């Protein structure tokens, strides 16, 4: 499983209230999308900073809702998400190497972090790819 890397802006955005609803497991919608552009953990802060792959053949522009929720326990907030499977249909999807997570509810589409799969991937017609969030997406 790929490791989740938080963008530096995430904690600042949480403190500023950009992600307040997601942290409270309320109404913010987090999405995963695919890119082959290398993320800059220190400088990238919004979805527009990382070019998304072309839509089509089973991939939808804007990515996929990851059905996030959050829980609080003893001062720790744990954000969980539902694994996402993308299947190529009618042609290829990609290439892509990264799966960034962003807040689709915030006006700026603020980034949370990304998964790095180590090398570029192209899905051929009929092939599937799963973004596996493990036990939790992030803890604070």
Protein backbone atom coordinates (compact mmCIF):
# COMPACT_ATOMS: atom_id res chain seq x y z
CA UNK A 1 0.00 0.00 0.00
CA UNK A 2 1.25 3.49 -0.85
CA UNK A 3 2.01 5.87 2.00
CA UNK A 4 -0.13 8.96 2.59
CA UNK A 5 1.93 12.18 2.52
CA UNK A 6 0.32 15.30 4.03
CA UNK A 7 0.78 18.64 2.28
CA UNK A 8 2.34 21.26 4.57
CA UNK A 9 -0.72 23.49 4.14
CA UNK A 10 -3.08 20.94 5.74
CA UNK A 11 -2.53 21.85 9.39
CA UNK A 12 -2.59 25.58 8.60
CA UNK A 13 -5.86 25.13 6.69
CA UNK A 14 -7.39 23.19 9.60
CA UNK A 15 -6.40 25.94 12.04
CA UNK A 16 -7.89 28.55 9.68
CA UNK A 17 -11.18 26.64 9.46
CA UNK A 18 -10.88 25.59 5.81
CA UNK A 19 -11.44 21.94 6.71
CA UNK A 20 -13.52 22.44 9.87
CA UNK A 21 -16.49 20.41 8.67
CA UNK A 22 -14.39 17.43 7.52
CA UNK A 23 -12.67 17.28 10.89
CA UNK A 24 -16.08 17.34 12.58
CA UNK A 25 -17.33 14.57 10.25
CA UNK A 26 -20.03 16.89 9.05
CA UNK A 27 -20.54 17.99 5.47
CA UNK A 28 -17.17 18.46 3.74
CA UNK A 29 -16.63 16.17 0.77
CA UNK A 30 -13.11 14.83 0.28
CA UNK A 31 -12.22 13.47 -3.15
CA UNK A 32 -9.34 11.52 -4.66
CA UNK A 33 -8.15 12.24 -8.17
CA UNK A 34 -5.32 10.99 -10.37
CA UNK A 35 -2.29 12.91 -11.63
CA UNK A 36 1.09 12.22 -13.15
CA UNK A 37 2.40 15.62 -12.01
CA UNK A 38 4.89 15.38 -9.13
CA UNK A 39 3.44 17.00 -5.97
CA UNK A 40 5.47 19.56 -4.04
CA UNK A 41 4.63 18.87 -0.40
CA UNK A 42 5.79 22.33 0.70
CA UNK A 43 4.32 24.48 -2.09
CA UNK A 44 1.17 22.81 -3.47
CA UNK A 45 -1.97 23.80 -1.58
CA UNK A 46 -4.96 23.59 -3.96
CA UNK A 47 -6.15 21.08 -6.56
CA UNK A 48 -5.27 23.45 -9.41
CA UNK A 49 -1.59 23.10 -8.44
CA UNK A 50 -1.55 19.48 -9.73
CA UNK A 51 -2.85 18.83 -13.24
CA UNK A 52 -5.43 16.05 -13.30
CA UNK A 53 -5.26 13.30 -15.93
CA UNK A 54 -7.76 13.51 -18.80
CA UNK A 55 -11.29 12.34 -18.09
CA UNK A 56 -12.75 9.44 -20.03
CA UNK A 57 -12.71 5.66 -20.35
CA UNK A 58 -14.08 5.22 -16.83
CA UNK A 59 -12.29 8.12 -15.13
CA UNK A 60 -14.40 11.14 -14.15
CA UNK A 61 -12.98 14.67 -14.02
CA UNK A 62 -12.75 15.91 -10.44
CA UNK A 63 -12.09 12.46 -9.04
CA UNK A 64 -14.15 10.31 -6.71
CA UNK A 65 -15.89 11.06 -3.39
CA UNK A 66 -14.05 9.00 -0.76
CA UNK A 67 -16.98 8.98 1.71
CA UNK A 68 -14.91 10.46 4.55
CA UNK A 69 -15.92 10.46 8.19
CA UNK A 70 -14.16 11.41 11.41
CA UNK A 71 -14.17 10.38 15.04
CA UNK A 72 -12.69 12.00 18.14
CA UNK A 73 -11.17 10.15 21.08
CA UNK A 74 -8.92 11.43 23.87
CA UNK A 75 -7.86 14.51 21.91
CA UNK A 76 -7.15 12.64 18.68
CA UNK A 77 -9.20 13.00 15.52
CA UNK A 78 -9.14 10.07 13.09
CA UNK A 79 -10.39 10.58 9.54
CA UNK A 80 -11.41 7.46 7.64
CA UNK A 81 -12.39 6.93 4.01
CA UNK A 82 -13.89 4.24 1.81
CA UNK A 83 -11.51 2.59 -0.67
CA UNK A 84 -12.05 3.72 -4.27
CA UNK A 85 -11.80 1.46 -7.34
CA UNK A 86 -11.40 2.92 -10.82
CA UNK A 87 -11.88 0.63 -13.85
CA UNK A 88 -10.85 1.45 -17.42
CA UNK A 89 -13.71 0.97 -19.86
CA UNK A 90 -13.49 1.68 -23.58
CA UNK A 91 -9.79 2.55 -23.55
CA UNK A 92 -6.91 3.37 -21.24
CA UNK A 93 -6.72 5.56 -18.13
CA UNK A 94 -3.46 7.32 -17.38
CA UNK A 95 -0.63 7.42 -17.03
CA UNK A 96 -0.78 8.48 -13.37
CA UNK A 97 1.49 7.99 -10.38
CA UNK A 98 -0.19 9.99 -7.62
CA UNK A 99 -3.63 10.08 -6.00
CA UNK A 100 -4.07 13.46 -4.27
CA UNK A 101 -6.88 14.01 -1.77
CA UNK A 102 -8.63 17.38 -1.74
CA UNK A 103 -11.56 19.10 -0.04
CA UNK A 104 -14.18 19.59 -2.76
CA UNK A 105 -16.37 21.62 -0.38
CA UNK A 106 -13.83 24.41 0.13
CA UNK A 107 -14.00 27.07 -2.59
CA UNK A 108 -10.31 26.64 -3.40
CA UNK A 109 -10.34 22.80 -3.44
CA UNK A 110 -7.69 22.70 -0.70
CA UNK A 111 -5.30 19.74 -0.78
CA UNK A 112 -4.90 17.31 2.13
CA UNK A 113 -2.20 14.96 0.91
CA UNK A 114 -1.40 12.34 -1.69
CA UNK A 115 -0.48 8.72 -2.27
CA UNK A 116 2.67 8.00 -4.32
CA UNK A 117 2.57 4.67 -6.17
CA UNK A 118 6.28 4.73 -7.04
CA UNK A 119 6.01 4.78 -10.84
CA UNK A 120 3.53 5.75 -13.52
CA UNK A 121 0.56 3.43 -14.05
CA UNK A 122 -1.64 3.06 -17.13
CA UNK A 123 -4.84 1.03 -16.87
CA UNK A 124 -5.72 -0.88 -20.02
CA UNK A 125 -9.34 -1.50 -20.97
CA UNK A 126 -10.92 -3.73 -18.29
CA UNK A 127 -8.16 -3.22 -15.70
CA UNK A 128 -8.92 -1.79 -12.26
CA UNK A 129 -6.97 0.23 -9.71
CA UNK A 130 -7.90 0.62 -6.04
CA UNK A 131 -6.91 3.51 -3.80
CA UNK A 132 -6.65 1.74 -0.44
CA UNK A 133 -6.96 4.09 2.54
CA UNK A 134 -6.14 1.44 5.14
CA UNK A 135 -7.49 1.83 8.67
CA UNK A 136 -7.45 5.64 8.47
CA UNK A 137 -6.71 8.44 6.04
CA UNK A 138 -5.15 10.71 8.66
CA UNK A 139 -4.96 11.41 12.39
CA UNK A 140 -4.59 14.76 14.16
